[in-house]
Amino acid sequence: YRMTVLRNLPSLQKLDNQAVTEEELSQALVDGVEITAPPA
């Protein structure tokens, strides 16, 4: 969940009251799911 959010919103500085790190942003490119279309 966290990796998917950060992959799509890499400019976030804080997610769910927890600071975002550079390591997480790098990992999100591998473990996160890119969202390219609106929900059905």
PDB file of all heavy atoms in Angstrom:
ATOM      1  N   TYR A   1       0.836  -1.209   0.000  1.00  0.00           N
ATOM      2  CA  TYR A   1       0.000   0.000   0.000  1.00  0.00           C
ATOM      3  C   TYR A   1       0.871   1.260   0.000  1.00  0.00           C
ATOM      4  O   TYR A   1       0.701   2.158  -0.828  1.00  0.00           O
ATOM      5  CB  TYR A   1      -0.915  -0.019   1.223  1.00  0.00           C
ATOM      6  CG  TYR A   1      -1.288   1.351   1.748  1.00  0.00           C
ATOM      7  CD1 TYR A   1      -2.163   2.170   1.042  1.00  0.00           C
ATOM      8  CD2 TYR A   1      -0.747   1.834   2.947  1.00  0.00           C
ATOM      9  CE1 TYR A   1      -2.496   3.430   1.515  1.00  0.00           C
ATOM     10  CE2 TYR A   1      -1.077   3.080   3.427  1.00  0.00           C
ATOM     11  CZ  TYR A   1      -1.953   3.888   2.709  1.00  0.00           C
ATOM     12  OH  TYR A   1      -2.270   5.131   3.179  1.00  0.00           O
ATOM     13  N   ARG A   2       1.837   1.316   0.910  1.00  0.00           N
ATOM     14  CA  ARG A   2       2.678   2.515   1.021  1.00  0.00           C
ATOM     15  C   ARG A   2       3.520   2.711  -0.234  1.00  0.00           C
ATOM     16  O   ARG A   2       3.674   3.835  -0.726  1.00  0.00           O
ATOM     17  CB  ARG A   2       3.568   2.413   2.261  1.00  0.00           C
ATOM     18  CG  ARG A   2       4.324   3.702   2.580  1.00  0.00           C
ATOM     19  CD  ARG A   2       5.046   3.609   3.911  1.00  0.00           C
ATOM     20  NE  ARG A   2       5.828   4.798   4.178  1.00  0.00           N
ATOM     21  CZ  ARG A   2       5.361   5.909   4.758  1.00  0.00           C
ATOM     22  NH1 ARG A   2       4.102   5.963   5.133  1.00  0.00           N
ATOM     23  NH2 ARG A   2       6.142   6.955   4.971  1.00  0.00           N
ATOM     24  N   MET A   3       4.065   1.616  -0.780  1.00  0.00           N
ATOM     25  CA  MET A   3       4.879   1.714  -1.982  1.00  0.00           C
ATOM     26  C   MET A   3       4.062   2.206  -3.179  1.00  0.00           C
ATOM     27  O   MET A   3       4.545   2.980  -4.004  1.00  0.00           O
ATOM     28  CB  MET A   3       5.497   0.346  -2.302  1.00  0.00           C
ATOM     29  CG  MET A   3       6.541  -0.132  -1.306  1.00  0.00           C
ATOM     30  SD  MET A   3       8.034   0.936  -1.223  1.00  0.00           S
ATOM     31  CE  MET A   3       7.677   1.932   0.233  1.00  0.00           C
ATOM     32  N   THR A   4       2.810   1.762  -3.274  1.00  0.00           N
ATOM     33  CA  THR A   4       1.957   2.188  -4.386  1.00  0.00           C
ATOM     34  C   THR A   4       1.617   3.666  -4.275  1.00  0.00           C
ATOM     35  O   THR A   4       1.644   4.406  -5.271  1.00  0.00           O
ATOM     36  CB  THR A   4       0.664   1.345  -4.425  1.00  0.00           C
ATOM     37  OG1 THR A   4       1.001  -0.016  -4.721  1.00  0.00           O
ATOM     38  CG2 THR A   4      -0.290   1.856  -5.500  1.00  0.00           C
ATOM     39  N   VAL A   5       1.319   4.122  -3.075  1.00  0.00           N
ATOM     40  CA  VAL A   5       1.028   5.547  -2.886  1.00  0.00           C
ATOM     41  C   VAL A   5       2.241   6.386  -3.256  1.00  0.00           C
ATOM     42  O   VAL A   5       2.135   7.377  -3.990  1.00  0.00           O
ATOM     43  CB  VAL A   5       0.604   5.834  -1.432  1.00  0.00           C
ATOM     44  CG1 VAL A   5       0.439   7.340  -1.229  1.00  0.00           C
ATOM     45  CG2 VAL A   5      -0.702   5.122  -1.096  1.00  0.00           C
ATOM     46  N   LEU A   6       3.430   5.984  -2.801  1.00  0.00           N
ATOM     47  CA  LEU A   6       4.637   6.778  -3.056  1.00  0.00           C
ATOM     48  C   LEU A   6       5.076   6.714  -4.510  1.00  0.00           C
ATOM     49  O   LEU A   6       5.666   7.666  -5.023  1.00  0.00           O
ATOM     50  CB  LEU A   6       5.770   6.301  -2.137  1.00  0.00           C
ATOM     51  CG  LEU A   6       5.538   6.549  -0.643  1.00  0.00           C
ATOM     52  CD1 LEU A   6       6.727   6.088   0.164  1.00  0.00           C
ATOM     53  CD2 LEU A   6       5.231   8.024  -0.377  1.00  0.00           C
ATOM     54  N   ARG A   7       4.800   5.602  -5.177  1.00  0.00           N
ATOM     55  CA  ARG A   7       5.154   5.540  -6.597  1.00  0.00           C
ATOM     56  C   ARG A   7       4.328   6.547  -7.402  1.00  0.00           C
ATOM     57  O   ARG A   7       4.829   7.141  -8.366  1.00  0.00           O
ATOM     58  CB  ARG A   7       4.925   4.135  -7.150  1.00  0.00           C
ATOM     59  CG  ARG A   7       5.161   4.054  -8.653  1.00  0.00           C
ATOM     60  CD  ARG A   7       5.372   2.670  -9.150  1.00  0.00           C
ATOM     61  NE  ARG A   7       5.685   2.667 -10.574  1.00  0.00           N
ATOM     62  CZ  ARG A   7       6.036   1.603 -11.260  1.00  0.00           C
ATOM     63  NH1 ARG A   7       6.136   0.431 -10.643  1.00  0.00           N
ATOM     64  NH2 ARG A   7       6.310   1.677 -12.544  1.00  0.00           N
ATOM     65  N   ASN A   8       3.086   6.732  -7.015  1.00  0.00           N
ATOM     66  CA  ASN A   8       2.207   7.622  -7.764  1.00  0.00           C
ATOM     67  C   ASN A   8       2.249   9.057  -7.265  1.00  0.00           C
ATOM     68  O   ASN A   8       1.915   9.982  -8.008  1.00  0.00           O
ATOM     69  CB  ASN A   8       0.778   7.085  -7.705  1.00  0.00           C
ATOM     70  CG  ASN A   8       0.608   5.804  -8.496  1.00  0.00           C
ATOM     71  OD1 ASN A   8       0.435   5.826  -9.702  1.00  0.00           O
ATOM     72  ND2 ASN A   8       0.685   4.674  -7.811  1.00  0.00           N
ATOM     73  N   LEU A   9       2.677   9.255  -6.016  1.00  0.00           N
ATOM     74  CA  LEU A   9       2.782  10.596  -5.447  1.00  0.00           C
ATOM     75  C   LEU A   9       4.178  10.793  -4.856  1.00  0.00           C
ATOM     76  O   LEU A   9       4.346  10.933  -3.642  1.00  0.00           O
ATOM     77  CB  LEU A   9       1.714  10.792  -4.369  1.00  0.00           C
ATOM     78  CG  LEU A   9       0.257  10.587  -4.805  1.00  0.00           C
ATOM     79  CD1 LEU A   9      -0.675  10.691  -3.598  1.00  0.00           C
ATOM     80  CD2 LEU A   9      -0.145  11.586  -5.885  1.00  0.00           C
ATOM     81  N   PRO A  10       5.217  10.804  -5.709  1.00  0.00           N
ATOM     82  CA  PRO A  10       6.600  10.868  -5.214  1.00  0.00           C
ATOM     83  C   PRO A  10       6.974  12.195  -4.560  1.00  0.00           C
ATOM     84  O   PRO A  10       8.031  12.287  -3.942  1.00  0.00           O
ATOM     85  CB  PRO A  10       7.425  10.629  -6.482  1.00  0.00           C
ATOM     86  CG  PRO A  10       6.550  11.104  -7.597  1.00  0.00           C
ATOM     87  CD  PRO A  10       5.148  10.743  -7.179  1.00  0.00           C
ATOM     88  N   SER A  11       6.126  13.202  -4.660  1.00  0.00           N
ATOM     89  CA  SER A  11       6.438  14.495  -4.045  1.00  0.00           C
ATOM     90  C   SER A  11       5.990  14.576  -2.594  1.00  0.00           C
ATOM     91  O   SER A  11       6.249  15.585  -1.921  1.00  0.00           O
ATOM     92  CB  SER A  11       5.771  15.628  -4.844  1.00  0.00           C
ATOM     93  OG  SER A  11       6.315  15.709  -6.155  1.00  0.00           O
ATOM     94  N   LEU A  12       5.329  13.528  -2.104  1.00  0.00           N
ATOM     95  CA  LEU A  12       4.889  13.538  -0.715  1.00  0.00           C
ATOM     96  C   LEU A  12       6.082  13.596   0.236  1.00  0.00           C
ATOM     97  O   LEU A  12       7.086  12.921   0.027  1.00  0.00           O
ATOM     98  CB  LEU A  12       4.057  12.291  -0.396  1.00  0.00           C
ATOM     99  CG  LEU A  12       2.648  12.217  -0.970  1.00  0.00           C
ATOM    100  CD1 LEU A  12       1.986  10.917  -0.525  1.00  0.00           C
ATOM    101  CD2 LEU A  12       1.805  13.415  -0.546  1.00  0.00           C
ATOM    102  N   GLN A  13       5.954  14.379   1.284  1.00  0.00           N
ATOM    103  CA  GLN A  13       6.956  14.442   2.343  1.00  0.00           C
ATOM    104  C   GLN A  13       6.517  13.665   3.577  1.00  0.00           C
ATOM    105  O   GLN A  13       7.347  13.252   4.388  1.00  0.00           O
ATOM    106  CB  GLN A  13       7.227  15.902   2.702  1.00  0.00           C
ATOM    107  CG  GLN A  13       7.823  16.710   1.553  1.00  0.00           C
ATOM    108  CD  GLN A  13       7.986  18.174   1.891  1.00  0.00           C
ATOM    109  OE1 GLN A  13       7.588  18.627   2.973  1.00  0.00           O
ATOM    110  NE2 GLN A  13       8.567  18.936   0.980  1.00  0.00           N
ATOM    111  N   LYS A  14       5.205  13.468   3.704  1.00  0.00           N
ATOM    112  CA  LYS A  14       4.672  12.712   4.836  1.00  0.00           C
ATOM    113  C   LYS A  14       3.434  11.944   4.383  1.00  0.00           C
ATOM    114  O   LYS A  14       2.540  12.512   3.763  1.00  0.00           O
ATOM    115  CB  LYS A  14       4.348  13.644   5.998  1.00  0.00           C
ATOM    116  CG  LYS A  14       3.878  12.930   7.258  1.00  0.00           C
ATOM    117  CD  LYS A  14       3.604  13.901   8.398  1.00  0.00           C
ATOM    118  CE  LYS A  14       4.894  14.507   8.940  1.00  0.00           C
ATOM    119  NZ  LYS A  14       4.635  15.317  10.177  1.00  0.00           N
ATOM    120  N   LEU A  15       3.403  10.652   4.700  1.00  0.00           N
ATOM    121  CA  LEU A  15       2.261   9.800   4.387  1.00  0.00           C
ATOM    122  C   LEU A  15       1.799   9.121   5.671  1.00  0.00           C
ATOM    123  O   LEU A  15       2.588   8.449   6.334  1.00  0.00           O
ATOM    124  CB  LEU A  15       2.638   8.749   3.338  1.00  0.00           C
ATOM    125  CG  LEU A  15       1.585   7.672   3.046  1.00  0.00           C
ATOM    126  CD1 LEU A  15       0.293   8.294   2.524  1.00  0.00           C
ATOM    127  CD2 LEU A  15       2.132   6.652   2.036  1.00  0.00           C
ATOM    128  N   ASP A  16       0.533   9.297   6.010  1.00  0.00           N
ATOM    129  CA  ASP A  16      -0.041   8.690   7.222  1.00  0.00           C
ATOM    130  C   ASP A  16       0.770   9.047   8.461  1.00  0.00           C
ATOM    131  O   ASP A  16       1.110   8.186   9.271  1.00  0.00           O
ATOM    132  CB  ASP A  16      -0.140   7.174   7.064  1.00  0.00           C
ATOM    133  CG  ASP A  16      -1.093   6.791   5.942  1.00  0.00           C
ATOM    134  OD1 ASP A  16      -1.941   7.620   5.574  1.00  0.00           O
ATOM    135  OD2 ASP A  16      -0.980   5.666   5.425  1.00  0.00           O
ATOM    136  N   ASN A  17       1.128  10.319   8.550  1.00  0.00           N
ATOM    137  CA  ASN A  17       1.849  10.858   9.704  1.00  0.00           C
ATOM    138  C   ASN A  17       3.249  10.267   9.858  1.00  0.00           C
ATOM    139  O   ASN A  17       3.833  10.317  10.939  1.00  0.00           O
ATOM    140  CB  ASN A  17       1.055  10.627  11.001  1.00  0.00           C
ATOM    141  CG  ASN A  17       1.389  11.658  12.063  1.00  0.00           C
ATOM    142  OD1 ASN A  17       1.698  12.810  11.768  1.00  0.00           O
ATOM    143  ND2 ASN A  17       1.353  11.250  13.323  1.00  0.00           N
ATOM    144  N   GLN A  18       3.801   9.710   8.784  1.00  0.00           N
ATOM    145  CA  GLN A  18       5.155   9.162   8.806  1.00  0.00           C
ATOM    146  C   GLN A  18       5.969   9.783   7.673  1.00  0.00           C
ATOM    147  O   GLN A  18       5.527   9.790   6.516  1.00  0.00           O
ATOM    148  CB  GLN A  18       5.116   7.646   8.635  1.00  0.00           C
ATOM    149  CG  GLN A  18       6.488   6.991   8.685  1.00  0.00           C
ATOM    150  CD  GLN A  18       6.408   5.488   8.549  1.00  0.00           C
ATOM    151  OE1 GLN A  18       5.347   4.888   8.737  1.00  0.00           O
ATOM    152  NE2 GLN A  18       7.526   4.867   8.211  1.00  0.00           N
ATOM    153  N   ALA A  19       7.138  10.307   8.001  1.00  0.00           N
ATOM    154  CA  ALA A  19       7.976  10.974   7.008  1.00  0.00           C
ATOM    155  C   ALA A  19       8.390  10.011   5.898  1.00  0.00           C
ATOM    156  O   ALA A  19       8.644   8.831   6.133  1.00  0.00           O
ATOM    157  CB  ALA A  19       9.214  11.560   7.680  1.00  0.00           C
ATOM    158  N   VAL A  20       8.454  10.531   4.689  1.00  0.00           N
ATOM    159  CA  VAL A  20       8.861   9.749   3.523  1.00  0.00           C
ATOM    160  C   VAL A  20      10.369   9.881   3.328  1.00  0.00           C
ATOM    161  O   VAL A  20      10.914  10.986   3.370  1.00  0.00           O
ATOM    162  CB  VAL A  20       8.123  10.240   2.262  1.00  0.00           C
ATOM    163  CG1 VAL A  20       8.630   9.499   1.023  1.00  0.00           C
ATOM    164  CG2 VAL A  20       6.618  10.060   2.416  1.00  0.00           C
ATOM    165  N   THR A  21      11.049   8.759   3.113  1.00  0.00           N
ATOM    166  CA  THR A  21      12.504   8.769   2.925  1.00  0.00           C
ATOM    167  C   THR A  21      12.872   8.550   1.460  1.00  0.00           C
ATOM    168  O   THR A  21      12.067   8.044   0.670  1.00  0.00           O
ATOM    169  CB  THR A  21      13.165   7.667   3.773  1.00  0.00           C
ATOM    170  OG1 THR A  21      12.755   6.375   3.270  1.00  0.00           O
ATOM    171  CG2 THR A  21      12.750   7.782   5.236  1.00  0.00           C
ATOM    172  N   GLU A  22      14.097   8.909   1.123  1.00  0.00           N
ATOM    173  CA  GLU A  22      14.579   8.694  -0.240  1.00  0.00           C
ATOM    174  C   GLU A  22      14.641   7.204  -0.564  1.00  0.00           C
ATOM    175  O   GLU A  22      14.397   6.790  -1.696  1.00  0.00           O
ATOM    176  CB  GLU A  22      15.962   9.330  -0.422  1.00  0.00           C
ATOM    177  CG  GLU A  22      15.951  10.847  -0.436  1.00  0.00           C
ATOM    178  CD  GLU A  22      17.302  11.414  -0.840  1.00  0.00           C
ATOM    179  OE1 GLU A  22      18.170  10.618  -1.279  1.00  0.00           O
ATOM    180  OE2 GLU A  22      17.500  12.625  -0.735  1.00  0.00           O
ATOM    181  N   GLU A  23      14.993   6.397   0.448  1.00  0.00           N
ATOM    182  CA  GLU A  23      15.050   4.953   0.232  1.00  0.00           C
ATOM    183  C   GLU A  23      13.679   4.401  -0.129  1.00  0.00           C
ATOM    184  O   GLU A  23      13.552   3.543  -1.014  1.00  0.00           O
ATOM    185  CB  GLU A  23      15.571   4.249   1.488  1.00  0.00           C
ATOM    186  CG  GLU A  23      17.051   4.483   1.784  1.00  0.00           C
ATOM    187  CD  GLU A  23      17.327   5.821   2.440  1.00  0.00           C
ATOM    188  OE1 GLU A  23      16.341   6.546   2.755  1.00  0.00           O
ATOM    189  OE2 GLU A  23      18.507   6.158   2.662  1.00  0.00           O
ATOM    190  N   GLU A  24      12.642   4.904   0.518  1.00  0.00           N
ATOM    191  CA  GLU A  24      11.278   4.455   0.203  1.00  0.00           C
ATOM    192  C   GLU A  24      10.885   4.849  -1.212  1.00  0.00           C
ATOM    193  O   GLU A  24      10.253   4.060  -1.936  1.00  0.00           O
ATOM    194  CB  GLU A  24      10.291   5.064   1.195  1.00  0.00           C
ATOM    195  CG  GLU A  24      10.290   4.436   2.561  1.00  0.00           C
ATOM    196  CD  GLU A  24       9.211   5.012   3.448  1.00  0.00           C
ATOM    197  OE1 GLU A  24       9.141   6.257   3.572  1.00  0.00           O
ATOM    198  OE2 GLU A  24       8.428   4.234   4.016  1.00  0.00           O
ATOM    199  N   LEU A  25      11.256   6.037  -1.637  1.00  0.00           N
ATOM    200  CA  LEU A  25      10.908   6.481  -2.984  1.00  0.00           C
ATOM    201  C   LEU A  25      11.587   5.613  -4.036  1.00  0.00           C
ATOM    202  O   LEU A  25      10.998   5.307  -5.078  1.00  0.00           O
ATOM    203  CB  LEU A  25      11.301   7.950  -3.167  1.00  0.00           C
ATOM    204  CG  LEU A  25      10.497   8.952  -2.330  1.00  0.00           C
ATOM    205  CD1 LEU A  25      11.055  10.355  -2.510  1.00  0.00           C
ATOM    206  CD2 LEU A  25       9.024   8.923  -2.722  1.00  0.00           C
ATOM    207  N   SER A  26      12.816   5.198  -3.767  1.00  0.00           N
ATOM    208  CA  SER A  26      13.521   4.307  -4.686  1.00  0.00           C
ATOM    209  C   SER A  26      12.863   2.930  -4.696  1.00  0.00           C
ATOM    210  O   SER A  26      12.657   2.335  -5.761  1.00  0.00           O
ATOM    211  CB  SER A  26      14.994   4.183  -4.284  1.00  0.00           C
ATOM    212  OG  SER A  26      15.644   5.435  -4.360  1.00  0.00           O
ATOM    213  N   GLN A  27      12.534   2.415  -3.524  1.00  0.00           N
ATOM    214  CA  GLN A  27      11.902   1.099  -3.429  1.00  0.00           C
ATOM    215  C   GLN A  27      10.521   1.098  -4.068  1.00  0.00           C
ATOM    216  O   GLN A  27      10.081   0.081  -4.622  1.00  0.00           O
ATOM    217  CB  GLN A  27      11.790   0.688  -1.959  1.00  0.00           C
ATOM    218  CG  GLN A  27      11.307  -0.743  -1.744  1.00  0.00           C
ATOM    219  CD  GLN A  27      12.306  -1.772  -2.238  1.00  0.00           C
ATOM    220  OE1 GLN A  27      13.514  -1.550  -2.153  1.00  0.00           O
ATOM    221  NE2 GLN A  27      11.811  -2.868  -2.776  1.00  0.00           N
ATOM    222  N   ALA A  28       9.837   2.219  -4.011  1.00  0.00           N
ATOM    223  CA  ALA A  28       8.489   2.314  -4.578  1.00  0.00           C
ATOM    224  C   ALA A  28       8.488   2.084  -6.083  1.00  0.00           C
ATOM    225  O   ALA A  28       7.494   1.599  -6.641  1.00  0.00           O
ATOM    226  CB  ALA A  28       7.884   3.682  -4.256  1.00  0.00           C
ATOM    227  N   LEU A  29       9.595   2.403  -6.746  1.00  0.00           N
ATOM    228  CA  LEU A  29       9.679   2.178  -8.190  1.00  0.00           C
ATOM    229  C   LEU A  29       9.665   0.690  -8.525  1.00  0.00           C
ATOM    230  O   LEU A  29       9.320   0.302  -9.638  1.00  0.00           O
ATOM    231  CB  LEU A  29      10.958   2.819  -8.748  1.00  0.00           C
ATOM    232  CG  LEU A  29      11.025   4.340  -8.643  1.00  0.00           C
ATOM    233  CD1 LEU A  29      12.390   4.838  -9.097  1.00  0.00           C
ATOM    234  CD2 LEU A  29       9.921   4.985  -9.472  1.00  0.00           C
ATOM    235  N   VAL A  30      10.027  -0.142  -7.554  1.00  0.00           N
ATOM    236  CA  VAL A  30      10.056  -1.595  -7.756  1.00  0.00           C
ATOM    237  C   VAL A  30       8.808  -2.264  -7.199  1.00  0.00           C
ATOM    238  O   VAL A  30       8.160  -3.071  -7.861  1.00  0.00           O
ATOM    239  CB  VAL A  30      11.313  -2.208  -7.106  1.00  0.00           C
ATOM    240  CG1 VAL A  30      11.312  -3.730  -7.269  1.00  0.00           C
ATOM    241  CG2 VAL A  30      12.578  -1.609  -7.701  1.00  0.00           C
ATOM    242  N   ASP A  31       8.437  -1.899  -5.975  1.00  0.00           N
ATOM    243  CA  ASP A  31       7.352  -2.600  -5.280  1.00  0.00           C
ATOM    244  C   ASP A  31       5.983  -1.953  -5.453  1.00  0.00           C
ATOM    245  O   ASP A  31       4.965  -2.588  -5.175  1.00  0.00           O
ATOM    246  CB  ASP A  31       7.663  -2.677  -3.780  1.00  0.00           C
ATOM    247  CG  ASP A  31       8.869  -3.559  -3.490  1.00  0.00           C
ATOM    248  OD1 ASP A  31       9.295  -4.294  -4.401  1.00  0.00           O
ATOM    249  OD2 ASP A  31       9.390  -3.520  -2.363  1.00  0.00           O
ATOM    250  N   GLY A  32       5.943  -0.718  -5.886  1.00  0.00           N
ATOM    251  CA  GLY A  32       4.657  -0.030  -6.032  1.00  0.00           C
ATOM    252  C   GLY A  32       4.010  -0.294  -7.380  1.00  0.00           C
ATOM    253  O   GLY A  32       4.665  -0.663  -8.341  1.00  0.00           O
ATOM    254  N   VAL A  33       2.702  -0.104  -7.444  1.00  0.00           N
ATOM    255  CA  VAL A  33       1.931  -0.272  -8.673  1.00  0.00           C
ATOM    256  C   VAL A  33       1.616   1.100  -9.255  1.00  0.00           C
ATOM    257  O   VAL A  33       1.060   1.956  -8.558  1.00  0.00           O
ATOM    258  CB  VAL A  33       0.615  -1.035  -8.410  1.00  0.00           C
ATOM    259  CG1 VAL A  33      -0.211  -1.137  -9.682  1.00  0.00           C
ATOM    260  CG2 VAL A  33       0.909  -2.426  -7.861  1.00  0.00           C
ATOM    261  N   GLU A  34       1.978   1.323 -10.502  1.00  0.00           N
ATOM    262  CA  GLU A  34       1.698   2.607 -11.132  1.00  0.00           C
ATOM    263  C   GLU A  34       0.236   2.674 -11.565  1.00  0.00           C
ATOM    264  O   GLU A  34      -0.275   1.761 -12.206  1.00  0.00           O
ATOM    265  CB  GLU A  34       2.612   2.831 -12.335  1.00  0.00           C
ATOM    266  CG  GLU A  34       2.414   4.202 -12.966  1.00  0.00           C
ATOM    267  CD  GLU A  34       3.406   4.473 -14.075  1.00  0.00           C
ATOM    268  OE1 GLU A  34       4.161   3.557 -14.447  1.00  0.00           O
ATOM    269  OE2 GLU A  34       3.414   5.615 -14.577  1.00  0.00           O
ATOM    270  N   ILE A  35      -0.411   3.753 -11.222  1.00  0.00           N
ATOM    271  CA  ILE A  35      -1.822   3.947 -11.561  1.00  0.00           C
ATOM    272  C   ILE A  35      -1.907   4.917 -12.728  1.00  0.00           C
ATOM    273  O   ILE A  35      -1.479   6.067 -12.626  1.00  0.00           O
ATOM    274  CB  ILE A  35      -2.595   4.477 -10.349  1.00  0.00           C
ATOM    275  CG1 ILE A  35      -2.583   3.428  -9.231  1.00  0.00           C
ATOM    276  CG2 ILE A  35      -4.037   4.820 -10.719  1.00  0.00           C
ATOM    277  CD1 ILE A  35      -3.092   3.934  -7.903  1.00  0.00           C
ATOM    278  N   THR A  36      -2.450   4.447 -13.837  1.00  0.00           N
ATOM    279  CA  THR A  36      -2.466   5.247 -15.064  1.00  0.00           C
ATOM    280  C   THR A  36      -3.868   5.579 -15.547  1.00  0.00           C
ATOM    281  O   THR A  36      -4.024   6.250 -16.568  1.00  0.00           O
ATOM    282  CB  THR A  36      -1.729   4.503 -16.188  1.00  0.00           C
ATOM    283  OG1 THR A  36      -2.365   3.228 -16.410  1.00  0.00           O
ATOM    284  CG2 THR A  36      -0.268   4.262 -15.817  1.00  0.00           C
ATOM    285  N   ALA A  37      -4.890   5.122 -14.839  1.00  0.00           N
ATOM    286  CA  ALA A  37      -6.268   5.370 -15.267  1.00  0.00           C
ATOM    287  C   ALA A  37      -7.150   5.570 -14.044  1.00  0.00           C
ATOM    288  O   ALA A  37      -6.862   5.055 -12.963  1.00  0.00           O
ATOM    289  CB  ALA A  37      -6.778   4.198 -16.097  1.00  0.00           C
ATOM    290  N   PRO A  38      -8.238   6.325 -14.194  1.00  0.00           N
ATOM    291  CA  PRO A  38      -9.148   6.524 -13.068  1.00  0.00           C
ATOM    292  C   PRO A  38      -9.883   5.240 -12.730  1.00  0.00           C
ATOM    293  O   PRO A  38      -9.959   4.317 -13.553  1.00  0.00           O
ATOM    294  CB  PRO A  38     -10.119   7.595 -13.587  1.00  0.00           C
ATOM    295  CG  PRO A  38     -10.087   7.428 -15.073  1.00  0.00           C
ATOM    296  CD  PRO A  38      -8.685   7.033 -15.413  1.00  0.00           C
ATOM    297  N   PRO A  39     -10.421   5.145 -11.525  1.00  0.00           N
ATOM    298  CA  PRO A  39     -11.115   3.918 -11.116  1.00  0.00           C
ATOM    299  C   PRO A  39     -12.437   3.743 -11.847  1.00  0.00           C
ATOM    300  O   PRO A  39     -13.082   4.718 -12.232  1.00  0.00           O
ATOM    301  CB  PRO A  39     -11.351   4.136  -9.614  1.00  0.00           C
ATOM    302  CG  PRO A  39     -11.389   5.625  -9.462  1.00  0.00           C
ATOM    303  CD  PRO A  39     -10.410   6.159 -10.457  1.00  0.00           C
ATOM    304  N   ALA A  40     -12.808   2.480 -12.041  1.00  0.00           N
ATOM    305  CA  ALA A  40     -14.115   2.184 -12.606  1.00  0.00           C
ATOM    306  C   ALA A  40     -15.150   2.405 -11.518  1.00  0.00           C
ATOM    307  O   ALA A  40     -14.989   1.947 -10.390  1.00  0.00           O
ATOM    308  CB  ALA A  40     -14.159   0.739 -13.104  1.00  0.00           C
TER     309      ALA A  40
END
